[in-house]
Full PDB file with SEQRES, HELIX, SHEET, SSBOND, CRYST1, ORIGX, SCALE, CONECT and MASTER records, all heavy atoms in Angstrom:
SEQRES   1 A   40  PHE TYR MET SER VAL LEU LEU ASN ARG SER THR GLY ARG          
SEQRES   2 A   40  ASN MET ILE MET TYR SER THR GLU GLY GLY MET ASP ILE          
SEQRES   3 A   40  GLU ALA VAL ALA GLU HIS THR PRO GLU LEU ILE PHE HIS          
SEQRES   4 A   40  GLU                                                          
HELIX    1 AA1 ILE A   26  HIS A   32  1                                   7    
HELIX    2 AA2 PRO A   34  LEU A   36  5                                   3    
SHEET    1 AA1 3 TYR A   2  ASN A   8  0                                        
SHEET    2 AA1 3 ARG A  13  SER A  19 -1                                        
SHEET    3 AA1 3 ILE A  37  HIS A  39 -1                                        
CRYST1    1.000    1.000    1.000  90.00  90.00  90.00 P 1           1          
ORIGX1      1.000000  0.000000  0.000000        0.00000                         
ORIGX2      0.000000  1.000000  0.000000        0.00000                         
ORIGX3      0.000000  0.000000  1.000000        0.00000                         
SCALE1      1.000000  0.000000  0.000000        0.00000                         
SCALE2      0.000000  1.000000  0.000000        0.00000                         
SCALE3      0.000000  0.000000  1.000000        0.00000                         
ATOM      1  N   PHE A   1       0.794  -1.208  -0.014  1.00  0.00           N  
ATOM      2  CA  PHE A   1       0.014   0.020  -0.013  1.00  0.00           C  
ATOM      3  C   PHE A   1       0.872   1.236   0.015  1.00  0.00           C  
ATOM      4  O   PHE A   1       2.122   1.136   0.271  1.00  0.00           O  
ATOM      5  CB  PHE A   1      -0.941   0.041   1.265  1.00  0.00           C  
ATOM      6  CG  PHE A   1      -1.707  -1.249   1.530  1.00  0.00           C  
ATOM      7  CD1 PHE A   1      -1.359  -2.051   2.579  1.00  0.00           C  
ATOM      8  CD2 PHE A   1      -2.681  -1.592   0.616  1.00  0.00           C  
ATOM      9  CE1 PHE A   1      -2.096  -3.275   2.708  1.00  0.00           C  
ATOM     10  CE2 PHE A   1      -3.408  -2.797   0.717  1.00  0.00           C  
ATOM     11  CZ  PHE A   1      -3.104  -3.572   1.821  1.00  0.00           C  
ATOM     12  N   TYR A   2       0.251   2.373  -0.263  1.00  0.00           N  
ATOM     13  CA  TYR A   2       0.996   3.661  -0.267  1.00  0.00           C  
ATOM     14  C   TYR A   2       0.241   4.498   0.905  1.00  0.00           C  
ATOM     15  O   TYR A   2      -1.010   4.418   0.929  1.00  0.00           O  
ATOM     16  CB  TYR A   2       0.821   4.428  -1.614  1.00  0.00           C  
ATOM     17  CG  TYR A   2       1.239   5.813  -1.455  1.00  0.00           C  
ATOM     18  CD1 TYR A   2       2.535   6.214  -1.673  1.00  0.00           C  
ATOM     19  CD2 TYR A   2       0.354   6.950  -1.166  1.00  0.00           C  
ATOM     20  CE1 TYR A   2       3.034   7.547  -1.538  1.00  0.00           C  
ATOM     21  CE2 TYR A   2       0.810   8.225  -1.002  1.00  0.00           C  
ATOM     22  CZ  TYR A   2       2.133   8.496  -1.258  1.00  0.00           C  
ATOM     23  OH  TYR A   2       2.577   9.809  -1.141  1.00  0.00           O  
ATOM     24  N   MET A   3       1.055   5.203   1.630  1.00  0.00           N  
ATOM     25  CA  MET A   3       0.448   6.081   2.708  1.00  0.00           C  
ATOM     26  C   MET A   3       1.388   7.201   3.025  1.00  0.00           C  
ATOM     27  O   MET A   3       2.628   7.006   3.073  1.00  0.00           O  
ATOM     28  CB  MET A   3       0.263   5.344   4.035  1.00  0.00           C  
ATOM     29  CG  MET A   3      -0.638   6.037   5.036  1.00  0.00           C  
ATOM     30  SD  MET A   3      -1.113   5.000   6.383  1.00  0.00           S  
ATOM     31  CE  MET A   3      -2.121   3.857   5.630  1.00  0.00           C  
ATOM     32  N   SER A   4       0.834   8.369   3.103  1.00  0.00           N  
ATOM     33  CA  SER A   4       1.681   9.520   3.502  1.00  0.00           C  
ATOM     34  C   SER A   4       0.730  10.427   4.323  1.00  0.00           C  
ATOM     35  O   SER A   4      -0.487  10.480   4.270  1.00  0.00           O  
ATOM     36  CB  SER A   4       2.106  10.361   2.188  1.00  0.00           C  
ATOM     37  OG  SER A   4       1.076  10.856   1.442  1.00  0.00           O  
ATOM     38  N   VAL A   5       1.486  11.231   5.158  1.00  0.00           N  
ATOM     39  CA  VAL A   5       0.897  12.263   5.966  1.00  0.00           C  
ATOM     40  C   VAL A   5       1.510  13.566   5.644  1.00  0.00           C  
ATOM     41  O   VAL A   5       2.730  13.711   5.597  1.00  0.00           O  
ATOM     42  CB  VAL A   5       1.035  11.967   7.510  1.00  0.00           C  
ATOM     43  CG1 VAL A   5       0.165  13.023   8.313  1.00  0.00           C  
ATOM     44  CG2 VAL A   5       0.687  10.556   7.801  1.00  0.00           C  
ATOM     45  N   LEU A   6       0.712  14.625   5.369  1.00  0.00           N  
ATOM     46  CA  LEU A   6       1.160  15.942   4.978  1.00  0.00           C  
ATOM     47  C   LEU A   6       0.144  16.994   5.209  1.00  0.00           C  
ATOM     48  O   LEU A   6      -1.027  16.622   5.583  1.00  0.00           O  
ATOM     49  CB  LEU A   6       1.571  15.910   3.473  1.00  0.00           C  
ATOM     50  CG  LEU A   6       0.542  15.725   2.437  1.00  0.00           C  
ATOM     51  CD1 LEU A   6       1.015  16.149   1.018  1.00  0.00           C  
ATOM     52  CD2 LEU A   6       0.090  14.253   2.277  1.00  0.00           C  
ATOM     53  N   LEU A   7       0.513  18.182   4.895  1.00  0.00           N  
ATOM     54  CA  LEU A   7      -0.435  19.294   5.095  1.00  0.00           C  
ATOM     55  C   LEU A   7      -1.195  19.621   3.790  1.00  0.00           C  
ATOM     56  O   LEU A   7      -0.470  19.671   2.792  1.00  0.00           O  
ATOM     57  CB  LEU A   7       0.387  20.623   5.563  1.00  0.00           C  
ATOM     58  CG  LEU A   7      -0.452  21.946   5.595  1.00  0.00           C  
ATOM     59  CD1 LEU A   7      -1.460  21.789   6.838  1.00  0.00           C  
ATOM     60  CD2 LEU A   7       0.465  23.078   5.901  1.00  0.00           C  
ATOM     61  N   ASN A   8      -2.440  19.652   3.904  1.00  0.00           N  
ATOM     62  CA  ASN A   8      -3.378  20.141   2.716  1.00  0.00           C  
ATOM     63  C   ASN A   8      -3.311  21.631   2.839  1.00  0.00           C  
ATOM     64  O   ASN A   8      -4.014  22.184   3.644  1.00  0.00           O  
ATOM     65  CB  ASN A   8      -4.681  19.482   2.823  1.00  0.00           C  
ATOM     66  CG  ASN A   8      -5.613  19.911   1.625  1.00  0.00           C  
ATOM     67  OD1 ASN A   8      -5.285  20.680   0.843  1.00  0.00           O  
ATOM     68  ND2 ASN A   8      -6.582  19.122   1.456  1.00  0.00           N  
ATOM     69  N   ARG A   9      -2.538  22.255   1.931  1.00  0.00           N  
ATOM     70  CA  ARG A   9      -2.413  23.701   2.046  1.00  0.00           C  
ATOM     71  C   ARG A   9      -3.641  24.453   1.591  1.00  0.00           C  
ATOM     72  O   ARG A   9      -3.969  25.550   2.038  1.00  0.00           O  
ATOM     73  CB  ARG A   9      -1.224  24.112   1.097  1.00  0.00           C  
ATOM     74  CG  ARG A   9       0.099  23.603   1.585  1.00  0.00           C  
ATOM     75  CD  ARG A   9       1.276  24.133   0.763  1.00  0.00           C  
ATOM     76  NE  ARG A   9       2.515  23.554   1.170  1.00  0.00           N  
ATOM     77  CZ  ARG A   9       3.162  23.990   2.302  1.00  0.00           C  
ATOM     78  NH1 ARG A   9       2.774  25.075   2.958  1.00  0.00           N  
ATOM     79  NH2 ARG A   9       4.309  23.393   2.647  1.00  0.00           N  
ATOM     80  N   SER A  10      -4.601  23.859   0.867  1.00  0.00           N  
ATOM     81  CA  SER A  10      -5.742  24.525   0.408  1.00  0.00           C  
ATOM     82  C   SER A  10      -6.758  24.638   1.671  1.00  0.00           C  
ATOM     83  O   SER A  10      -7.596  25.595   1.647  1.00  0.00           O  
ATOM     84  CB  SER A  10      -6.459  23.775  -0.666  1.00  0.00           C  
ATOM     85  OG  SER A  10      -6.762  22.461  -0.343  1.00  0.00           O  
ATOM     86  N   THR A  11      -6.695  23.659   2.626  1.00  0.00           N  
ATOM     87  CA  THR A  11      -7.580  23.770   3.703  1.00  0.00           C  
ATOM     88  C   THR A  11      -6.918  24.118   5.044  1.00  0.00           C  
ATOM     89  O   THR A  11      -7.604  24.321   6.051  1.00  0.00           O  
ATOM     90  CB  THR A  11      -8.346  22.425   3.890  1.00  0.00           C  
ATOM     91  OG1 THR A  11      -7.359  21.373   4.127  1.00  0.00           O  
ATOM     92  CG2 THR A  11      -9.070  22.007   2.575  1.00  0.00           C  
ATOM     93  N   GLY A  12      -5.553  24.078   5.035  1.00  0.00           N  
ATOM     94  CA  GLY A  12      -4.836  24.298   6.242  1.00  0.00           C  
ATOM     95  C   GLY A  12      -4.883  23.274   7.224  1.00  0.00           C  
ATOM     96  O   GLY A  12      -4.695  23.420   8.483  1.00  0.00           O  
ATOM     97  N   ARG A  13      -5.221  21.942   6.837  1.00  0.00           N  
ATOM     98  CA  ARG A  13      -5.402  20.815   7.732  1.00  0.00           C  
ATOM     99  C   ARG A  13      -4.411  19.701   7.336  1.00  0.00           C  
ATOM    100  O   ARG A  13      -4.176  19.507   6.077  1.00  0.00           O  
ATOM    101  CB  ARG A  13      -6.757  20.281   7.713  1.00  0.00           C  
ATOM    102  CG  ARG A  13      -7.826  21.198   8.311  1.00  0.00           C  
ATOM    103  CD  ARG A  13      -9.172  20.603   8.349  1.00  0.00           C  
ATOM    104  NE  ARG A  13     -10.155  21.415   9.113  1.00  0.00           N  
ATOM    105  CZ  ARG A  13     -11.261  20.975   9.411  1.00  0.00           C  
ATOM    106  NH1 ARG A  13     -11.706  19.809   9.119  1.00  0.00           N  
ATOM    107  NH2 ARG A  13     -12.085  21.757  10.160  1.00  0.00           N  
ATOM    108  N   ASN A  14      -3.887  18.978   8.219  1.00  0.00           N  
ATOM    109  CA  ASN A  14      -3.152  17.780   7.953  1.00  0.00           C  
ATOM    110  C   ASN A  14      -4.129  16.701   7.313  1.00  0.00           C  
ATOM    111  O   ASN A  14      -5.243  16.653   7.564  1.00  0.00           O  
ATOM    112  CB  ASN A  14      -2.456  17.097   9.194  1.00  0.00           C  
ATOM    113  CG  ASN A  14      -1.439  17.951   9.779  1.00  0.00           C  
ATOM    114  OD1 ASN A  14      -0.784  18.683   9.083  1.00  0.00           O  
ATOM    115  ND2 ASN A  14      -1.314  17.984  11.056  1.00  0.00           N  
ATOM    116  N   MET A  15      -3.516  15.901   6.446  1.00  0.00           N  
ATOM    117  CA  MET A  15      -4.291  14.761   5.849  1.00  0.00           C  
ATOM    118  C   MET A  15      -3.499  13.546   5.612  1.00  0.00           C  
ATOM    119  O   MET A  15      -2.235  13.638   5.482  1.00  0.00           O  
ATOM    120  CB  MET A  15      -4.884  15.244   4.531  1.00  0.00           C  
ATOM    121  CG  MET A  15      -3.884  15.334   3.301  1.00  0.00           C  
ATOM    122  SD  MET A  15      -4.708  15.696   1.766  1.00  0.00           S  
ATOM    123  CE  MET A  15      -3.392  15.765   0.692  1.00  0.00           C  
ATOM    124  N   ILE A  16      -4.138  12.416   5.614  1.00  0.00           N  
ATOM    125  CA  ILE A  16      -3.502  11.145   5.236  1.00  0.00           C  
ATOM    126  C   ILE A  16      -3.934  10.875   3.840  1.00  0.00           C  
ATOM    127  O   ILE A  16      -5.155  10.695   3.531  1.00  0.00           O  
ATOM    128  CB  ILE A  16      -3.925  10.176   6.273  1.00  0.00           C  
ATOM    129  CG1 ILE A  16      -3.468  10.466   7.784  1.00  0.00           C  
ATOM    130  CG2 ILE A  16      -3.369   8.732   5.936  1.00  0.00           C  
ATOM    131  CD1 ILE A  16      -3.918   9.543   8.864  1.00  0.00           C  
ATOM    132  N   MET A  17      -2.968  10.588   3.007  1.00  0.00           N  
ATOM    133  CA  MET A  17      -3.222  10.259   1.645  1.00  0.00           C  
ATOM    134  C   MET A  17      -2.749   8.722   1.412  1.00  0.00           C  
ATOM    135  O   MET A  17      -1.704   8.440   1.949  1.00  0.00           O  
ATOM    136  CB  MET A  17      -2.475  11.171   0.700  1.00  0.00           C  
ATOM    137  CG  MET A  17      -2.817  10.841  -0.709  1.00  0.00           C  
ATOM    138  SD  MET A  17      -2.310  12.315  -1.822  1.00  0.00           S  
ATOM    139  CE  MET A  17      -0.561  12.399  -1.485  1.00  0.00           C  
ATOM    140  N   TYR A  18      -3.631   7.872   0.928  1.00  0.00           N  
ATOM    141  CA  TYR A  18      -3.345   6.473   0.892  1.00  0.00           C  
ATOM    142  C   TYR A  18      -3.901   5.797  -0.349  1.00  0.00           C  
ATOM    143  O   TYR A  18      -4.846   6.325  -0.970  1.00  0.00           O  
ATOM    144  CB  TYR A  18      -3.805   5.767   2.195  1.00  0.00           C  
ATOM    145  CG  TYR A  18      -5.317   5.911   2.479  1.00  0.00           C  
ATOM    146  CD1 TYR A  18      -6.143   4.752   2.197  1.00  0.00           C  
ATOM    147  CD2 TYR A  18      -5.840   6.987   2.972  1.00  0.00           C  
ATOM    148  CE1 TYR A  18      -7.486   4.936   2.425  1.00  0.00           C  
ATOM    149  CE2 TYR A  18      -7.189   7.090   3.210  1.00  0.00           C  
ATOM    150  CZ  TYR A  18      -8.045   6.034   2.957  1.00  0.00           C  
ATOM    151  OH  TYR A  18      -9.394   6.126   3.158  1.00  0.00           O  
ATOM    152  N   SER A  19      -3.332   4.674  -0.705  1.00  0.00           N  
ATOM    153  CA  SER A  19      -3.817   3.954  -1.866  1.00  0.00           C  
ATOM    154  C   SER A  19      -3.587   2.484  -1.726  1.00  0.00           C  
ATOM    155  O   SER A  19      -2.581   2.052  -1.005  1.00  0.00           O  
ATOM    156  CB  SER A  19      -3.192   4.474  -3.086  1.00  0.00           C  
ATOM    157  OG  SER A  19      -3.561   3.789  -4.239  1.00  0.00           O  
ATOM    158  N   THR A  20      -4.297   1.658  -2.378  1.00  0.00           N  
ATOM    159  CA  THR A  20      -4.125   0.151  -2.486  1.00  0.00           C  
ATOM    160  C   THR A  20      -2.947  -0.161  -3.445  1.00  0.00           C  
ATOM    161  O   THR A  20      -2.389  -1.228  -3.446  1.00  0.00           O  
ATOM    162  CB  THR A  20      -5.239  -0.584  -2.938  1.00  0.00           C  
ATOM    163  OG1 THR A  20      -5.748   0.035  -4.148  1.00  0.00           O  
ATOM    164  CG2 THR A  20      -6.463  -0.443  -1.894  1.00  0.00           C  
ATOM    165  N   GLU A  21      -2.542   0.877  -4.252  1.00  0.00           N  
ATOM    166  CA  GLU A  21      -1.561   0.674  -5.253  1.00  0.00           C  
ATOM    167  C   GLU A  21      -0.224   1.150  -4.828  1.00  0.00           C  
ATOM    168  O   GLU A  21       0.365   2.075  -5.362  1.00  0.00           O  
ATOM    169  CB  GLU A  21      -1.992   1.342  -6.611  1.00  0.00           C  
ATOM    170  CG  GLU A  21      -3.341   1.041  -6.980  1.00  0.00           C  
ATOM    171  CD  GLU A  21      -3.524  -0.395  -7.267  1.00  0.00           C  
ATOM    172  OE1 GLU A  21      -2.848  -1.030  -8.008  1.00  0.00           O  
ATOM    173  OE2 GLU A  21      -4.524  -1.002  -6.667  1.00  0.00           O  
ATOM    174  N   GLY A  22       0.308   0.595  -3.818  1.00  0.00           N  
ATOM    175  CA  GLY A  22       1.665   0.927  -3.338  1.00  0.00           C  
ATOM    176  C   GLY A  22       2.818   0.343  -4.173  1.00  0.00           C  
ATOM    177  O   GLY A  22       2.491  -0.493  -5.040  1.00  0.00           O  
ATOM    178  N   GLY A  23       3.938   0.850  -4.027  1.00  0.00           N  
ATOM    179  CA  GLY A  23       5.120   0.459  -4.824  1.00  0.00           C  
ATOM    180  C   GLY A  23       5.791   1.391  -5.777  1.00  0.00           C  
ATOM    181  O   GLY A  23       5.513   2.598  -5.502  1.00  0.00           O  
ATOM    182  N   MET A  24       6.590   1.057  -6.657  1.00  0.00           N  
ATOM    183  CA  MET A  24       7.469   2.017  -7.351  1.00  0.00           C  
ATOM    184  C   MET A  24       6.714   2.926  -8.345  1.00  0.00           C  
ATOM    185  O   MET A  24       7.169   3.946  -8.736  1.00  0.00           O  
ATOM    186  CB  MET A  24       8.545   1.201  -8.171  1.00  0.00           C  
ATOM    187  CG  MET A  24       9.639   0.618  -7.269  1.00  0.00           C  
ATOM    188  SD  MET A  24      11.160   0.160  -8.268  1.00  0.00           S  
ATOM    189  CE  MET A  24      10.577  -1.069  -9.265  1.00  0.00           C  
ATOM    190  N   ASP A  25       5.529   2.530  -8.720  1.00  0.00           N  
ATOM    191  CA  ASP A  25       4.759   3.313  -9.702  1.00  0.00           C  
ATOM    192  C   ASP A  25       3.656   4.187  -9.288  1.00  0.00           C  
ATOM    193  O   ASP A  25       2.651   4.308  -9.941  1.00  0.00           O  
ATOM    194  CB  ASP A  25       4.293   2.372 -10.906  1.00  0.00           C  
ATOM    195  CG  ASP A  25       5.441   1.660 -11.624  1.00  0.00           C  
ATOM    196  OD1 ASP A  25       6.398   2.351 -11.959  1.00  0.00           O  
ATOM    197  OD2 ASP A  25       5.251   0.428 -11.866  1.00  0.00           O  
ATOM    198  N   ILE A  26       3.755   4.623  -8.072  1.00  0.00           N  
ATOM    199  CA  ILE A  26       2.660   5.433  -7.401  1.00  0.00           C  
ATOM    200  C   ILE A  26       2.436   6.736  -8.159  1.00  0.00           C  
ATOM    201  O   ILE A  26       1.329   7.121  -8.296  1.00  0.00           O  
ATOM    202  CB  ILE A  26       3.038   5.751  -5.883  1.00  0.00           C  
ATOM    203  CG1 ILE A  26       1.719   6.357  -5.237  1.00  0.00           C  
ATOM    204  CG2 ILE A  26       4.161   6.636  -5.775  1.00  0.00           C  
ATOM    205  CD1 ILE A  26       0.486   5.529  -5.220  1.00  0.00           C  
ATOM    206  N   GLU A  27       3.526   7.305  -8.898  1.00  0.00           N  
ATOM    207  CA  GLU A  27       3.227   8.495  -9.543  1.00  0.00           C  
ATOM    208  C   GLU A  27       2.393   8.286 -10.744  1.00  0.00           C  
ATOM    209  O   GLU A  27       1.545   9.044 -11.146  1.00  0.00           O  
ATOM    210  CB  GLU A  27       4.645   9.027 -10.080  1.00  0.00           C  
ATOM    211  CG  GLU A  27       5.509   9.579  -8.979  1.00  0.00           C  
ATOM    212  CD  GLU A  27       6.382   8.542  -8.398  1.00  0.00           C  
ATOM    213  OE1 GLU A  27       6.280   7.412  -8.722  1.00  0.00           O  
ATOM    214  OE2 GLU A  27       7.189   8.952  -7.509  1.00  0.00           O  
ATOM    215  N   ALA A  28       2.592   7.069 -11.466  1.00  0.00           N  
ATOM    216  CA  ALA A  28       1.683   6.802 -12.586  1.00  0.00           C  
ATOM    217  C   ALA A  28       0.240   6.501 -12.088  1.00  0.00           C  
ATOM    218  O   ALA A  28      -0.708   6.842 -12.835  1.00  0.00           O  
ATOM    219  CB  ALA A  28       2.239   5.425 -13.229  1.00  0.00           C  
ATOM    220  N   VAL A  29       0.047   5.904 -10.906  1.00  0.00           N  
ATOM    221  CA  VAL A  29      -1.309   5.809 -10.311  1.00  0.00           C  
ATOM    222  C   VAL A  29      -1.944   7.114 -10.166  1.00  0.00           C  
ATOM    223  O   VAL A  29      -3.132   7.318 -10.546  1.00  0.00           O  
ATOM    224  CB  VAL A  29      -1.263   5.077  -8.945  1.00  0.00           C  
ATOM    225  CG1 VAL A  29      -2.693   4.961  -8.306  1.00  0.00           C  
ATOM    226  CG2 VAL A  29      -0.718   3.615  -9.147  1.00  0.00           C  
ATOM    227  N   ALA A  30      -1.230   8.137  -9.632  1.00  0.00           N  
ATOM    228  CA  ALA A  30      -1.856   9.381  -9.425  1.00  0.00           C  
ATOM    229  C   ALA A  30      -2.128  10.041 -10.746  1.00  0.00           C  
ATOM    230  O   ALA A  30      -3.160  10.856 -10.841  1.00  0.00           O  
ATOM    231  CB  ALA A  30      -0.861  10.323  -8.706  1.00  0.00           C  
ATOM    232  N   GLU A  31      -1.432   9.814 -11.790  1.00  0.00           N  
ATOM    233  CA  GLU A  31      -1.640  10.470 -13.145  1.00  0.00           C  
ATOM    234  C   GLU A  31      -2.715   9.745 -13.788  1.00  0.00           C  
ATOM    235  O   GLU A  31      -3.639  10.455 -14.451  1.00  0.00           O  
ATOM    236  CB  GLU A  31      -0.349  10.361 -13.875  1.00  0.00           C  
ATOM    237  CG  GLU A  31      -0.467  11.015 -15.267  1.00  0.00           C  
ATOM    238  CD  GLU A  31       0.875  11.027 -16.100  1.00  0.00           C  
ATOM    239  OE1 GLU A  31       1.894  10.624 -15.451  1.00  0.00           O  
ATOM    240  OE2 GLU A  31       0.809  11.520 -17.201  1.00  0.00           O  
ATOM    241  N   HIS A  32      -2.797   8.425 -13.785  1.00  0.00           N  
ATOM    242  CA  HIS A  32      -3.754   7.708 -14.649  1.00  0.00           C  
ATOM    243  C   HIS A  32      -5.003   7.226 -13.994  1.00  0.00           C  
ATOM    244  O   HIS A  32      -6.114   7.128 -14.600  1.00  0.00           O  
ATOM    245  CB  HIS A  32      -2.974   6.557 -15.426  1.00  0.00           C  
ATOM    246  CG  HIS A  32      -1.849   6.932 -16.212  1.00  0.00           C  
ATOM    247  ND1 HIS A  32      -1.883   7.767 -17.354  1.00  0.00           N  
ATOM    248  CD2 HIS A  32      -0.501   6.741 -16.107  1.00  0.00           C  
ATOM    249  CE1 HIS A  32      -0.738   7.960 -17.882  1.00  0.00           C  
ATOM    250  NE2 HIS A  32       0.189   7.360 -17.108  1.00  0.00           N  
ATOM    251  N   THR A  33      -4.879   6.903 -12.718  1.00  0.00           N  
ATOM    252  CA  THR A  33      -6.085   6.390 -11.985  1.00  0.00           C  
ATOM    253  C   THR A  33      -6.121   7.137 -10.651  1.00  0.00           C  
ATOM    254  O   THR A  33      -5.990   6.432  -9.568  1.00  0.00           O  
ATOM    255  CB  THR A  33      -5.973   4.856 -11.792  1.00  0.00           C  
ATOM    256  OG1 THR A  33      -4.694   4.539 -11.156  1.00  0.00           O  
ATOM    257  CG2 THR A  33      -6.157   4.143 -13.099  1.00  0.00           C  
ATOM    258  N   PRO A  34      -6.393   8.456 -10.613  1.00  0.00           N  
ATOM    259  CA  PRO A  34      -6.478   9.212  -9.378  1.00  0.00           C  
ATOM    260  C   PRO A  34      -7.621   8.733  -8.458  1.00  0.00           C  
ATOM    261  O   PRO A  34      -7.540   8.950  -7.256  1.00  0.00           O  
ATOM    262  CB  PRO A  34      -6.708  10.643  -9.890  1.00  0.00           C  
ATOM    263  CG  PRO A  34      -7.276  10.529 -11.236  1.00  0.00           C  
ATOM    264  CD  PRO A  34      -6.713   9.332 -11.805  1.00  0.00           C  
ATOM    265  N   GLU A  35      -8.507   8.005  -8.968  1.00  0.00           N  
ATOM    266  CA  GLU A  35      -9.684   7.571  -8.099  1.00  0.00           C  
ATOM    267  C   GLU A  35      -9.191   6.505  -7.196  1.00  0.00           C  
ATOM    268  O   GLU A  35      -9.900   6.108  -6.141  1.00  0.00           O  
ATOM    269  CB  GLU A  35     -10.833   6.965  -8.946  1.00  0.00           C  
ATOM    270  CG  GLU A  35     -10.545   5.726  -9.745  1.00  0.00           C  
ATOM    271  CD  GLU A  35      -9.787   5.893 -11.104  1.00  0.00           C  
ATOM    272  OE1 GLU A  35      -9.479   7.037 -11.341  1.00  0.00           O  
ATOM    273  OE2 GLU A  35      -9.643   4.978 -11.801  1.00  0.00           O  
ATOM    274  N   LEU A  36      -8.033   5.920  -7.406  1.00  0.00           N  
ATOM    275  CA  LEU A  36      -7.413   4.900  -6.508  1.00  0.00           C  
ATOM    276  C   LEU A  36      -6.714   5.548  -5.320  1.00  0.00           C  
ATOM    277  O   LEU A  36      -6.085   4.816  -4.526  1.00  0.00           O  
ATOM    278  CB  LEU A  36      -6.608   3.959  -7.259  1.00  0.00           C  
ATOM    279  CG  LEU A  36      -7.256   3.074  -8.380  1.00  0.00           C  
ATOM    280  CD1 LEU A  36      -6.285   2.190  -9.078  1.00  0.00           C  
ATOM    281  CD2 LEU A  36      -8.375   2.225  -7.712  1.00  0.00           C  
ATOM    282  N   ILE A  37      -6.639   6.794  -5.239  1.00  0.00           N  
ATOM    283  CA  ILE A  37      -5.968   7.559  -4.208  1.00  0.00           C  
ATOM    284  C   ILE A  37      -6.913   8.161  -3.308  1.00  0.00           C  
ATOM    285  O   ILE A  37      -7.775   8.954  -3.729  1.00  0.00           O  
ATOM    286  CB  ILE A  37      -4.881   8.488  -4.774  1.00  0.00           C  
ATOM    287  CG1 ILE A  37      -3.870   7.820  -5.492  1.00  0.00           C  
ATOM    288  CG2 ILE A  37      -4.340   9.329  -3.621  1.00  0.00           C  
ATOM    289  CD1 ILE A  37      -2.760   8.683  -6.059  1.00  0.00           C  
ATOM    290  N   PHE A  38      -6.925   7.805  -2.071  1.00  0.00           N  
ATOM    291  CA  PHE A  38      -7.979   8.348  -1.050  1.00  0.00           C  
ATOM    292  C   PHE A  38      -7.271   9.376  -0.107  1.00  0.00           C  
ATOM    293  O   PHE A  38      -6.069   9.340   0.100  1.00  0.00           O  
ATOM    294  CB  PHE A  38      -8.489   7.181  -0.140  1.00  0.00           C  
ATOM    295  CG  PHE A  38      -9.134   6.035  -0.929  1.00  0.00           C  
ATOM    296  CD1 PHE A  38      -8.314   4.970  -1.319  1.00  0.00           C  
ATOM    297  CD2 PHE A  38     -10.465   6.046  -1.129  1.00  0.00           C  
ATOM    298  CE1 PHE A  38      -8.979   3.925  -2.053  1.00  0.00           C  
ATOM    299  CE2 PHE A  38     -11.052   5.077  -1.838  1.00  0.00           C  
ATOM    300  CZ  PHE A  38     -10.285   3.959  -2.284  1.00  0.00           C  
ATOM    301  N   HIS A  39      -8.113  10.348   0.429  1.00  0.00           N  
ATOM    302  CA  HIS A  39      -7.673  11.350   1.325  1.00  0.00           C  
ATOM    303  C   HIS A  39      -8.490  11.327   2.641  1.00  0.00           C  
ATOM    304  O   HIS A  39      -9.758  11.071   2.520  1.00  0.00           O  
ATOM    305  CB  HIS A  39      -7.708  12.672   0.715  1.00  0.00           C  
ATOM    306  CG  HIS A  39      -7.045  12.837  -0.676  1.00  0.00           C  
ATOM    307  ND1 HIS A  39      -7.636  12.401  -1.866  1.00  0.00           N  
ATOM    308  CD2 HIS A  39      -5.832  13.262  -0.930  1.00  0.00           C  
ATOM    309  CE1 HIS A  39      -6.844  12.623  -2.827  1.00  0.00           C  
ATOM    310  NE2 HIS A  39      -5.650  13.116  -2.350  1.00  0.00           N  
ATOM    311  N   GLU A  40      -7.881  11.522   3.826  1.00  0.00           N  
ATOM    312  CA  GLU A  40      -8.542  11.623   5.005  1.00  0.00           C  
ATOM    313  C   GLU A  40      -8.000  12.842   5.701  1.00  0.00           C  
ATOM    314  O   GLU A  40      -6.870  12.847   6.231  1.00  0.00           O  
ATOM    315  CB  GLU A  40      -8.357  10.347   5.880  1.00  0.00           C  
ATOM    316  CG  GLU A  40      -9.232  10.199   7.041  1.00  0.00           C  
ATOM    317  CD  GLU A  40     -10.732  10.054   6.648  1.00  0.00           C  
ATOM    318  OE1 GLU A  40     -11.035   9.354   5.648  1.00  0.00           O  
ATOM    319  OE2 GLU A  40     -11.597  10.645   7.450  1.00  0.00           O  
TER     320      GLU A  40                                                      
MASTER        0    0    0    2    3    0    0    6  319    1    0    4          
END                                                                             
């Protein structure tokens, strides 16, 4: 899986970003299948 914690600058709140598609090609997931990336 992929998981990161960072600041959402547009809302001024921390968020957890995560996906079932972890591994070396996470950039390609964000570009081609953004619906597979969740935000909390």
